[in-house]
């Protein structure tokens, strides 16, 4: 394994932790909104995406260490969930940014909590999007380090004794 995978693992792990924790925070805030103030359809969508993400993002913690087994699966999850989180962010921005913040659904919730939900929804999208490129780079690095050219010191067709 080259230096690229050595550097990539802690970066990917940090990204996965930030991705997962952002989803957990969004889940908590949206649960609070729904429990105490009965949210609308957008809020229910955001809550569903957050709950499903918390479960589906768990294999991503292991994928930097076993890329041959999990990276394709995790890459597919990242691609799908990047669109879902982008949609959740658009819904959140539409719900909380236009008009009087306190009057928007869920009514009566402080604007700081609504802005926090919007911010962490954006962060969940951002870290999921970054995760796509980290998984691609992880797959590329693993394949490059296991190719015959790399094993022979850059000389294709030669065998080592």
Foldseek 3Di string as FASTA:
>chain_A
DDVVLVVLLVVQLVLLVLLLVLLVLLLVLLVVLCVPQNFDPLSVLSNVLSVVCNVQSVVSNCCSVVVVPPLVVLLVVLVVSLVSLVSSLVSLCVQQPDDDRCCGPSHNDDSVSSVSSNVSSVSNNVSSVVSNVSSVVSVVVVCVCPDPCNVVVNDPPDDDD
